[in-house]
């Protein structure tokens, strides 16, 4: 039986949202990510010292951590991080 049902995914997300709020309250930067892969659904909470670091962690998670370490992938990875950081800044400005 698969315990990662939509209901449990919602519960896990709620728990991670609470953790994110507590971590942000102590000055850490956080980003919640959910991913649907052929292997199944996942939800992650990235926590970092800086906003750029948490964005980089999110991008690395989405693209695969190895991409950031390959000669060909490095430029693309940096571009993705910059794009996501810009999108985040736009979202913040709208709030």
PDB file of N, CA and C in Angstrom:
ATOM      1  N   UNK A   1       0.838  -1.184   0.000  1.00  0.00           N
ATOM      2  CA  UNK A   1       0.000   0.000   0.000  1.00  0.00           C
ATOM      3  C   UNK A   1       0.885   1.250   0.000  1.00  0.00           C
ATOM      4  N   UNK A   2       0.581   2.185  -0.862  1.00  0.00           N
ATOM      5  CA  UNK A   2       1.344   3.426  -0.971  1.00  0.00           C
ATOM      6  C   UNK A   2       0.877   4.405   0.096  1.00  0.00           C
ATOM      7  N   UNK A   3       1.769   4.752   1.025  1.00  0.00           N
ATOM      8  CA  UNK A   3       1.390   5.668   2.103  1.00  0.00           C
ATOM      9  C   UNK A   3       1.497   7.128   1.696  1.00  0.00           C
ATOM     10  N   UNK A   4       2.045   7.398   0.499  1.00  0.00           N
ATOM     11  CA  UNK A   4       2.186   8.783   0.044  1.00  0.00           C
ATOM     12  C   UNK A   4       0.983   9.136  -0.829  1.00  0.00           C
ATOM     13  N   UNK A   5      -0.188   9.087  -0.205  1.00  0.00           N
ATOM     14  CA  UNK A   5      -1.449   9.404  -0.875  1.00  0.00           C
ATOM     15  C   UNK A   5      -1.593  10.918  -1.007  1.00  0.00           C
ATOM     16  N   UNK A   6      -2.531  11.397  -1.812  1.00  0.00           N
ATOM     17  CA  UNK A   6      -2.758  12.847  -1.875  1.00  0.00           C
ATOM     18  C   UNK A   6      -3.046  13.458  -0.501  1.00  0.00           C
ATOM     19  N   UNK A   7      -3.770  12.725   0.336  1.00  0.00           N
ATOM     20  CA  UNK A   7      -4.066  13.224   1.679  1.00  0.00           C
ATOM     21  C   UNK A   7      -2.792  13.333   2.516  1.00  0.00           C
ATOM     22  N   UNK A   8      -1.944  12.306   2.436  1.00  0.00           N
ATOM     23  CA  UNK A   8      -0.689  12.341   3.192  1.00  0.00           C
ATOM     24  C   UNK A   8       0.278  13.372   2.629  1.00  0.00           C
ATOM     25  N   UNK A   9       0.242  13.576   1.314  1.00  0.00           N
ATOM     26  CA  UNK A   9       1.061  14.625   0.713  1.00  0.00           C
ATOM     27  C   UNK A   9       0.631  15.984   1.256  1.00  0.00           C
ATOM     28  N   UNK A  10      -0.668  16.202   1.367  1.00  0.00           N
ATOM     29  CA  UNK A  10      -1.176  17.462   1.920  1.00  0.00           C
ATOM     30  C   UNK A  10      -0.748  17.621   3.376  1.00  0.00           C
ATOM     31  N   UNK A  11      -0.806  16.542   4.154  1.00  0.00           N
ATOM     32  CA  UNK A  11      -0.376  16.595   5.560  1.00  0.00           C
ATOM     33  C   UNK A  11       1.122  16.872   5.660  1.00  0.00           C
ATOM     34  N   UNK A  12       1.901  16.195   4.824  1.00  0.00           N
ATOM     35  CA  UNK A  12       3.355  16.414   4.834  1.00  0.00           C
ATOM     36  C   UNK A  12       3.678  17.853   4.461  1.00  0.00           C
ATOM     37  N   UNK A  13       2.978  18.365   3.475  1.00  0.00           N
ATOM     38  CA  UNK A  13       3.193  19.752   3.054  1.00  0.00           C
ATOM     39  C   UNK A  13       2.848  20.713   4.176  1.00  0.00           C
ATOM     40  N   UNK A  14       1.762  20.451   4.882  1.00  0.00           N
ATOM     41  CA  UNK A  14       1.372  21.304   6.017  1.00  0.00           C
ATOM     42  C   UNK A  14       2.446  21.292   7.109  1.00  0.00           C
ATOM     43  N   UNK A  15       2.983  20.130   7.411  1.00  0.00           N
ATOM     44  CA  UNK A  15       4.047  20.020   8.419  1.00  0.00           C
ATOM     45  C   UNK A  15       5.278  20.803   7.974  1.00  0.00           C
ATOM     46  N   UNK A  16       5.645  20.654   6.698  1.00  0.00           N
ATOM     47  CA  UNK A  16       6.809  21.379   6.185  1.00  0.00           C
ATOM     48  C   UNK A  16       6.562  22.885   6.143  1.00  0.00           C
ATOM     49  N   UNK A  17       5.332  23.298   5.872  1.00  0.00           N
ATOM     50  CA  UNK A  17       4.991  24.729   5.899  1.00  0.00           C
ATOM     51  C   UNK A  17       5.176  25.289   7.310  1.00  0.00           C
ATOM     52  N   UNK A  18       4.769  24.519   8.317  1.00  0.00           N
ATOM     53  CA  UNK A  18       4.952  24.946   9.711  1.00  0.00           C
ATOM     54  C   UNK A  18       6.435  25.041  10.048  1.00  0.00           C
ATOM     55  N   UNK A  19       7.202  24.055   9.602  1.00  0.00           N
ATOM     56  CA  UNK A  19       8.651  24.076   9.840  1.00  0.00           C
ATOM     57  C   UNK A  19       9.283  25.266   9.134  1.00  0.00           C
ATOM     58  N   UNK A  20       8.835  25.532   7.912  1.00  0.00           N
ATOM     59  CA  UNK A  20       9.371  26.674   7.168  1.00  0.00           C
ATOM     60  C   UNK A  20       9.113  27.973   7.926  1.00  0.00           C
ATOM     61  N   UNK A  21       7.917  28.145   8.450  1.00  0.00           N
ATOM     62  CA  UNK A  21       7.590  29.363   9.200  1.00  0.00           C
ATOM     63  C   UNK A  21       8.489  29.507  10.428  1.00  0.00           C
ATOM     64  N   UNK A  22       8.734  28.414  11.128  1.00  0.00           N
ATOM     65  CA  UNK A  22       9.593  28.453  12.318  1.00  0.00           C
ATOM     66  C   UNK A  22      11.034  28.762  11.939  1.00  0.00           C
ATOM     67  N   UNK A  23      11.512  28.187  10.859  1.00  0.00           N
ATOM     68  CA  UNK A  23      12.888  28.431  10.418  1.00  0.00           C
ATOM     69  C   UNK A  23      13.066  29.861   9.922  1.00  0.00           C
ATOM     70  N   UNK A  24      12.071  30.366   9.223  1.00  0.00           N
ATOM     71  CA  UNK A  24      12.140  31.751   8.764  1.00  0.00           C
ATOM     72  C   UNK A  24      12.111  32.716   9.949  1.00  0.00           C
ATOM     73  N   UNK A  25      11.404  32.337  11.005  1.00  0.00           N
ATOM     74  CA  UNK A  25      11.326  33.179  12.203  1.00  0.00           C
ATOM     75  C   UNK A  25      12.687  33.340  12.877  1.00  0.00           C
ATOM     76  N   UNK A  26      13.597  32.393  12.651  1.00  0.00           N
ATOM     77  CA  UNK A  26      14.938  32.517  13.234  1.00  0.00           C
ATOM     78  C   UNK A  26      15.951  33.024  12.205  1.00  0.00           C
ATOM     79  N   UNK A  27      15.439  33.504  11.081  1.00  0.00           N
ATOM     80  CA  UNK A  27      16.300  34.177  10.115  1.00  0.00           C
ATOM     81  C   UNK A  27      16.837  33.349   8.972  1.00  0.00           C
ATOM     82  N   UNK A  28      16.375  32.111   8.838  1.00  0.00           N
ATOM     83  CA  UNK A  28      16.848  31.274   7.738  1.00  0.00           C
ATOM     84  C   UNK A  28      15.958  31.459   6.510  1.00  0.00           C
ATOM     85  N   UNK A  29      16.503  31.184   5.350  1.00  0.00           N
ATOM     86  CA  UNK A  29      15.758  31.267   4.097  1.00  0.00           C
ATOM     87  C   UNK A  29      15.299  29.863   3.730  1.00  0.00           C
ATOM     88  N   UNK A  30      14.050  29.749   3.305  1.00  0.00           N
ATOM     89  CA  UNK A  30      13.469  28.437   3.035  1.00  0.00           C
ATOM     90  C   UNK A  30      12.641  28.458   1.762  1.00  0.00           C
ATOM     91  N   UNK A  31      12.554  27.290   1.138  1.00  0.00           N
ATOM     92  CA  UNK A  31      11.707  27.132  -0.036  1.00  0.00           C
ATOM     93  C   UNK A  31      11.168  25.706  -0.044  1.00  0.00           C
ATOM     94  N   UNK A  32       9.875  25.585  -0.206  1.00  0.00           N
ATOM     95  CA  UNK A  32       9.221  24.291  -0.280  1.00  0.00           C
ATOM     96  C   UNK A  32       9.082  23.905  -1.746  1.00  0.00           C
ATOM     97  N   UNK A  33       9.438  22.679  -2.070  1.00  0.00           N
ATOM     98  CA  UNK A  33       9.378  22.205  -3.454  1.00  0.00           C
ATOM     99  C   UNK A  33       8.644  20.880  -3.510  1.00  0.00           C
ATOM    100  N   UNK A  34       7.809  20.729  -4.509  1.00  0.00           N
ATOM    101  CA  UNK A  34       7.216  19.418  -4.766  1.00  0.00           C
ATOM    102  C   UNK A  34       7.582  19.020  -6.189  1.00  0.00           C
ATOM    103  N   UNK A  35       7.819  17.733  -6.365  1.00  0.00           N
ATOM    104  CA  UNK A  35       8.261  17.234  -7.657  1.00  0.00           C
ATOM    105  C   UNK A  35       7.524  15.948  -7.980  1.00  0.00           C
ATOM    106  N   UNK A  36       7.088  15.832  -9.210  1.00  0.00           N
ATOM    107  CA  UNK A  36       6.486  14.593  -9.684  1.00  0.00           C
ATOM    108  C   UNK A  36       7.464  13.948 -10.656  1.00  0.00           C
ATOM    109  N   UNK A  37       7.958  12.796 -10.275  1.00  0.00           N
ATOM    110  CA  UNK A  37       8.925  12.053 -11.085  1.00  0.00           C
ATOM    111  C   UNK A  37       8.337  10.699 -11.453  1.00  0.00           C
ATOM    112  N   UNK A  38       8.922  10.017 -12.430  1.00  0.00           N
ATOM    113  CA  UNK A  38       8.435   8.668 -12.743  1.00  0.00           C
ATOM    114  C   UNK A  38       8.467   7.745 -11.518  1.00  0.00           C
ATOM    115  N   UNK A  39       9.374   8.026 -10.598  1.00  0.00           N
ATOM    116  CA  UNK A  39       9.497   7.204  -9.397  1.00  0.00           C
ATOM    117  C   UNK A  39       8.470   7.574  -8.331  1.00  0.00           C
ATOM    118  N   UNK A  40       7.766   8.669  -8.510  1.00  0.00           N
ATOM    119  CA  UNK A  40       6.745   9.080  -7.548  1.00  0.00           C
ATOM    120  C   UNK A  40       6.846  10.549  -7.187  1.00  0.00           C
ATOM    121  N   UNK A  41       5.967  10.959  -6.310  1.00  0.00           N
ATOM    122  CA  UNK A  41       5.929  12.340  -5.840  1.00  0.00           C
ATOM    123  C   UNK A  41       6.934  12.553  -4.727  1.00  0.00           C
ATOM    124  N   UNK A  42       7.418  13.789  -4.631  1.00  0.00           N
ATOM    125  CA  UNK A  42       8.275  14.140  -3.499  1.00  0.00           C
ATOM    126  C   UNK A  42       7.979  15.567  -3.093  1.00  0.00           C
ATOM    127  N   UNK A  43       8.240  15.848  -1.841  1.00  0.00           N
ATOM    128  CA  UNK A  43       8.129  17.206  -1.324  1.00  0.00           C
ATOM    129  C   UNK A  43       9.378  17.459  -0.498  1.00  0.00           C
ATOM    130  N   UNK A  44       9.965  18.633  -0.679  1.00  0.00           N
ATOM    131  CA  UNK A  44      11.234  18.949  -0.022  1.00  0.00           C
ATOM    132  C   UNK A  44      11.179  20.335   0.585  1.00  0.00           C
ATOM    133  N   UNK A  45      11.891  20.498   1.677  1.00  0.00           N
ATOM    134  CA  UNK A  45      12.066  21.812   2.282  1.00  0.00           C
ATOM    135  C   UNK A  45      13.547  22.140   2.220  1.00  0.00           C
ATOM    136  N   UNK A  46      13.888  23.145   1.433  1.00  0.00           N
ATOM    137  CA  UNK A  46      15.273  23.600   1.331  1.00  0.00           C
ATOM    138  C   UNK A  46      15.466  24.719   2.345  1.00  0.00           C
ATOM    139  N   UNK A  47      16.545  24.652   3.094  1.00  0.00           N
ATOM    140  CA  UNK A  47      16.862  25.653   4.115  1.00  0.00           C
ATOM    141  C   UNK A  47      18.295  26.097   3.889  1.00  0.00           C
ATOM    142  N   UNK A  48      18.513  27.429   3.878  1.00  0.00           N
ATOM    143  CA  UNK A  48      19.853  27.945   3.625  1.00  0.00           C
ATOM    144  C   UNK A  48      20.066  29.264   4.353  1.00  0.00           C
ATOM    145  N   UNK A  49      21.315  29.665   4.393  1.00  0.00           N
ATOM    146  CA  UNK A  49      21.691  30.908   5.060  1.00  0.00           C
ATOM    147  C   UNK A  49      21.294  32.131   4.242  1.00  0.00           C
ATOM    148  N   UNK A  50      21.286  32.000   2.905  1.00  0.00           N
ATOM    149  CA  UNK A  50      20.946  33.137   2.046  1.00  0.00           C
ATOM    150  C   UNK A  50      19.827  32.744   1.086  1.00  0.00           C
ATOM    151  N   UNK A  51      19.141  33.757   0.573  1.00  0.00           N
ATOM    152  CA  UNK A  51      18.076  33.505  -0.389  1.00  0.00           C
ATOM    153  C   UNK A  51      18.633  32.869  -1.661  1.00  0.00           C
ATOM    154  N   UNK A  52      19.774  33.334  -2.118  1.00  0.00           N
ATOM    155  CA  UNK A  52      20.375  32.769  -3.321  1.00  0.00           C
ATOM    156  C   UNK A  52      20.739  31.298  -3.124  1.00  0.00           C
ATOM    157  N   UNK A  53      21.220  30.952  -1.947  1.00  0.00           N
ATOM    158  CA  UNK A  53      21.577  29.558  -1.668  1.00  0.00           C
ATOM    159  C   UNK A  53      20.345  28.659  -1.678  1.00  0.00           C
ATOM    160  N   UNK A  54      19.234  29.150  -1.138  1.00  0.00           N
ATOM    161  CA  UNK A  54      18.018  28.332  -1.127  1.00  0.00           C
ATOM    162  C   UNK A  54      17.457  28.197  -2.542  1.00  0.00           C
ATOM    163  N   UNK A  55      17.564  29.248  -3.348  1.00  0.00           N
ATOM    164  CA  UNK A  55      17.140  29.169  -4.745  1.00  0.00           C
ATOM    165  C   UNK A  55      18.026  28.177  -5.495  1.00  0.00           C
ATOM    166  N   UNK A  56      19.327  28.232  -5.268  1.00  0.00           N
ATOM    167  CA  UNK A  56      20.252  27.299  -5.918  1.00  0.00           C
ATOM    168  C   UNK A  56      19.934  25.858  -5.529  1.00  0.00           C
ATOM    169  N   UNK A  57      19.601  25.626  -4.270  1.00  0.00           N
ATOM    170  CA  UNK A  57      19.243  24.279  -3.819  1.00  0.00           C
ATOM    171  C   UNK A  57      17.978  23.796  -4.520  1.00  0.00           C
ATOM    172  N   UNK A  58      17.017  24.687  -4.662  1.00  0.00           N
ATOM    173  CA  UNK A  58      15.771  24.334  -5.346  1.00  0.00           C
ATOM    174  C   UNK A  58      16.043  23.969  -6.808  1.00  0.00           C
ATOM    175  N   UNK A  59      16.841  24.778  -7.484  1.00  0.00           N
ATOM    176  CA  UNK A  59      17.172  24.510  -8.888  1.00  0.00           C
ATOM    177  C   UNK A  59      17.950  23.202  -9.003  1.00  0.00           C
ATOM    178  N   UNK A  60      18.913  22.992  -8.127  1.00  0.00           N
ATOM    179  CA  UNK A  60      19.706  21.759  -8.160  1.00  0.00           C
ATOM    180  C   UNK A  60      18.820  20.539  -7.952  1.00  0.00           C
ATOM    181  N   UNK A  61      17.855  20.661  -7.058  1.00  0.00           N
ATOM    182  CA  UNK A  61      16.932  19.559  -6.817  1.00  0.00           C
ATOM    183  C   UNK A  61      16.104  19.259  -8.054  1.00  0.00           C
ATOM    184  N   UNK A  62      15.639  20.302  -8.699  1.00  0.00           N
ATOM    185  CA  UNK A  62      14.808  20.120  -9.882  1.00  0.00           C
ATOM    186  C   UNK A  62      15.565  19.584 -11.079  1.00  0.00           C
ATOM    187  N   UNK A  63      16.783  19.960 -11.241  1.00  0.00           N
ATOM    188  CA  UNK A  63      17.562  19.559 -12.417  1.00  0.00           C
ATOM    189  C   UNK A  63      18.510  18.408 -12.140  1.00  0.00           C
ATOM    190  N   UNK A  64      18.704  18.107 -10.922  1.00  0.00           N
ATOM    191  CA  UNK A  64      19.669  17.079 -10.563  1.00  0.00           C
ATOM    192  C   UNK A  64      20.968  17.733 -10.154  1.00  0.00           C
ATOM    193  N   UNK A  65      21.422  17.399  -8.973  1.00  0.00           N
ATOM    194  CA  UNK A  65      22.620  18.022  -8.439  1.00  0.00           C
ATOM    195  C   UNK A  65      23.847  17.880  -9.313  1.00  0.00           C
ATOM    196  N   UNK A  66      23.904  16.826 -10.103  1.00  0.00           N
ATOM    197  CA  UNK A  66      25.100  16.623 -10.928  1.00  0.00           C
ATOM    198  C   UNK A  66      25.246  17.670 -12.023  1.00  0.00           C
ATOM    199  N   UNK A  67      24.152  18.267 -12.458  1.00  0.00           N
ATOM    200  CA  UNK A  67      24.226  19.261 -13.527  1.00  0.00           C
ATOM    201  C   UNK A  67      25.117  20.433 -13.142  1.00  0.00           C
ATOM    202  N   UNK A  68      25.090  20.803 -11.887  1.00  0.00           N
ATOM    203  CA  UNK A  68      25.882  21.949 -11.430  1.00  0.00           C
ATOM    204  C   UNK A  68      27.382  21.673 -11.467  1.00  0.00           C
ATOM    205  N   UNK A  69      27.759  20.393 -11.594  1.00  0.00           N
ATOM    206  CA  UNK A  69      29.177  20.033 -11.529  1.00  0.00           C
ATOM    207  C   UNK A  69      29.770  19.642 -12.879  1.00  0.00           C
ATOM    208  N   UNK A  70      28.978  19.666 -13.931  1.00  0.00           N
ATOM    209  CA  UNK A  70      29.503  19.311 -15.248  1.00  0.00           C
ATOM    210  C   UNK A  70      29.908  20.570 -16.000  1.00  0.00           C
ATOM    211  N   UNK A  71      30.908  20.450 -16.831  1.00  0.00           N
ATOM    212  CA  UNK A  71      31.400  21.615 -17.578  1.00  0.00           C
ATOM    213  C   UNK A  71      30.303  22.213 -18.449  1.00  0.00           C
ATOM    214  N   UNK A  72      29.542  21.382 -19.127  1.00  0.00           N
ATOM    215  CA  UNK A  72      28.482  21.875 -20.010  1.00  0.00           C
ATOM    216  C   UNK A  72      27.269  22.372 -19.230  1.00  0.00           C
ATOM    217  N   UNK A  73      27.000  21.759 -18.104  1.00  0.00           N
ATOM    218  CA  UNK A  73      25.805  22.104 -17.348  1.00  0.00           C
ATOM    219  C   UNK A  73      25.939  23.315 -16.453  1.00  0.00           C
ATOM    220  N   UNK A  74      27.152  23.684 -16.114  1.00  0.00           N
ATOM    221  CA  UNK A  74      27.377  24.771 -15.170  1.00  0.00           C
ATOM    222  C   UNK A  74      26.740  26.080 -15.625  1.00  0.00           C
ATOM    223  N   UNK A  75      26.929  26.445 -16.872  1.00  0.00           N
ATOM    224  CA  UNK A  75      26.376  27.707 -17.395  1.00  0.00           C
ATOM    225  C   UNK A  75      24.851  27.679 -17.338  1.00  0.00           C
ATOM    226  N   UNK A  76      24.252  26.557 -17.734  1.00  0.00           N
ATOM    227  CA  UNK A  76      22.796  26.418 -17.700  1.00  0.00           C
ATOM    228  C   UNK A  76      22.290  26.498 -16.261  1.00  0.00           C
ATOM    229  N   UNK A  77      22.987  25.851 -15.349  1.00  0.00           N
ATOM    230  CA  UNK A  77      22.594  25.861 -13.944  1.00  0.00           C
ATOM    231  C   UNK A  77      22.601  27.283 -13.399  1.00  0.00           C
ATOM    232  N   UNK A  78      23.672  28.017 -13.650  1.00  0.00           N
ATOM    233  CA  UNK A  78      23.777  29.402 -13.172  1.00  0.00           C
ATOM    234  C   UNK A  78      22.645  30.244 -13.755  1.00  0.00           C
ATOM    235  N   UNK A  79      22.329  30.022 -15.017  1.00  0.00           N
ATOM    236  CA  UNK A  79      21.241  30.754 -15.669  1.00  0.00           C
ATOM    237  C   UNK A  79      19.897  30.440 -15.018  1.00  0.00           C
ATOM    238  N   UNK A  80      19.658  29.175 -14.716  1.00  0.00           N
ATOM    239  CA  UNK A  80      18.409  28.774 -14.060  1.00  0.00           C
ATOM    240  C   UNK A  80      18.277  29.407 -12.680  1.00  0.00           C
ATOM    241  N   UNK A  81      19.371  29.413 -11.928  1.00  0.00           N
ATOM    242  CA  UNK A  81      19.352  30.027 -10.594  1.00  0.00           C
ATOM    243  C   UNK A  81      19.036  31.516 -10.716  1.00  0.00           C
ATOM    244  N   UNK A  82      19.678  32.190 -11.653  1.00  0.00           N
ATOM    245  CA  UNK A  82      19.439  33.625 -11.844  1.00  0.00           C
ATOM    246  C   UNK A  82      17.993  33.889 -12.246  1.00  0.00           C
ATOM    247  N   UNK A  83      17.455  33.071 -13.149  1.00  0.00           N
ATOM    248  CA  UNK A  83      16.061  33.238 -13.575  1.00  0.00           C
ATOM    249  C   UNK A  83      15.096  33.046 -12.416  1.00  0.00           C
ATOM    250  N   UNK A  84      15.332  32.006 -11.610  1.00  0.00           N
ATOM    251  CA  UNK A  84      14.432  31.752 -10.496  1.00  0.00           C
ATOM    252  C   UNK A  84      14.540  32.844  -9.445  1.00  0.00           C
ATOM    253  N   UNK A  85      15.742  33.329  -9.192  1.00  0.00           N
ATOM    254  CA  UNK A  85      15.928  34.415  -8.225  1.00  0.00           C
ATOM    255  C   UNK A  85      15.193  35.665  -8.698  1.00  0.00           C
ATOM    256  N   UNK A  86      15.242  35.941  -9.998  1.00  0.00           N
ATOM    257  CA  UNK A  86      14.527  37.097 -10.551  1.00  0.00           C
ATOM    258  C   UNK A  86      13.019  36.917 -10.407  1.00  0.00           C
ATOM    259  N   UNK A  87      12.526  35.714 -10.688  1.00  0.00           N
ATOM    260  CA  UNK A  87      11.096  35.437 -10.525  1.00  0.00           C
ATOM    261  C   UNK A  87      10.666  35.614  -9.073  1.00  0.00           C
ATOM    262  N   UNK A  88      11.499  35.161  -8.155  1.00  0.00           N
ATOM    263  CA  UNK A  88      11.200  35.300  -6.731  1.00  0.00           C
ATOM    264  C   UNK A  88      11.130  36.772  -6.341  1.00  0.00           C
ATOM    265  N   UNK A  89      12.041  37.568  -6.856  1.00  0.00           N
ATOM    266  CA  UNK A  89      12.042  39.006  -6.564  1.00  0.00           C
ATOM    267  C   UNK A  89      10.776  39.669  -7.104  1.00  0.00           C
ATOM    268  N   UNK A  90      10.349  39.262  -8.287  1.00  0.00           N
ATOM    269  CA  UNK A  90       9.116  39.806  -8.867  1.00  0.00           C
ATOM    270  C   UNK A  90       7.918  39.425  -8.010  1.00  0.00           C
ATOM    271  N   UNK A  91       7.858  38.164  -7.589  1.00  0.00           N
ATOM    272  CA  UNK A  91       6.760  37.709  -6.727  1.00  0.00           C
ATOM    273  C   UNK A  91       6.724  38.489  -5.421  1.00  0.00           C
ATOM    274  N   UNK A  92       7.878  38.729  -4.830  1.00  0.00           N
ATOM    275  CA  UNK A  92       7.945  39.495  -3.579  1.00  0.00           C
ATOM    276  C   UNK A  92       7.461  40.923  -3.787  1.00  0.00           C
ATOM    277  N   UNK A  93       7.824  41.512  -4.909  1.00  0.00           N
ATOM    278  CA  UNK A  93       7.424  42.893  -5.198  1.00  0.00           C
ATOM    279  C   UNK A  93       5.910  43.002  -5.367  1.00  0.00           C
ATOM    280  N   UNK A  94       5.287  41.948  -5.827  1.00  0.00           N
ATOM    281  CA  UNK A  94       3.831  41.943  -6.024  1.00  0.00           C
ATOM    282  C   UNK A  94       3.070  41.819  -4.709  1.00  0.00           C
ATOM    283  N   UNK A  95       3.700  41.310  -3.674  1.00  0.00           N
ATOM    284  CA  UNK A  95       3.013  41.098  -2.384  1.00  0.00           C
ATOM    285  C   UNK A  95       2.856  42.367  -1.624  1.00  0.00           C
TER     286      UNK A  95
END
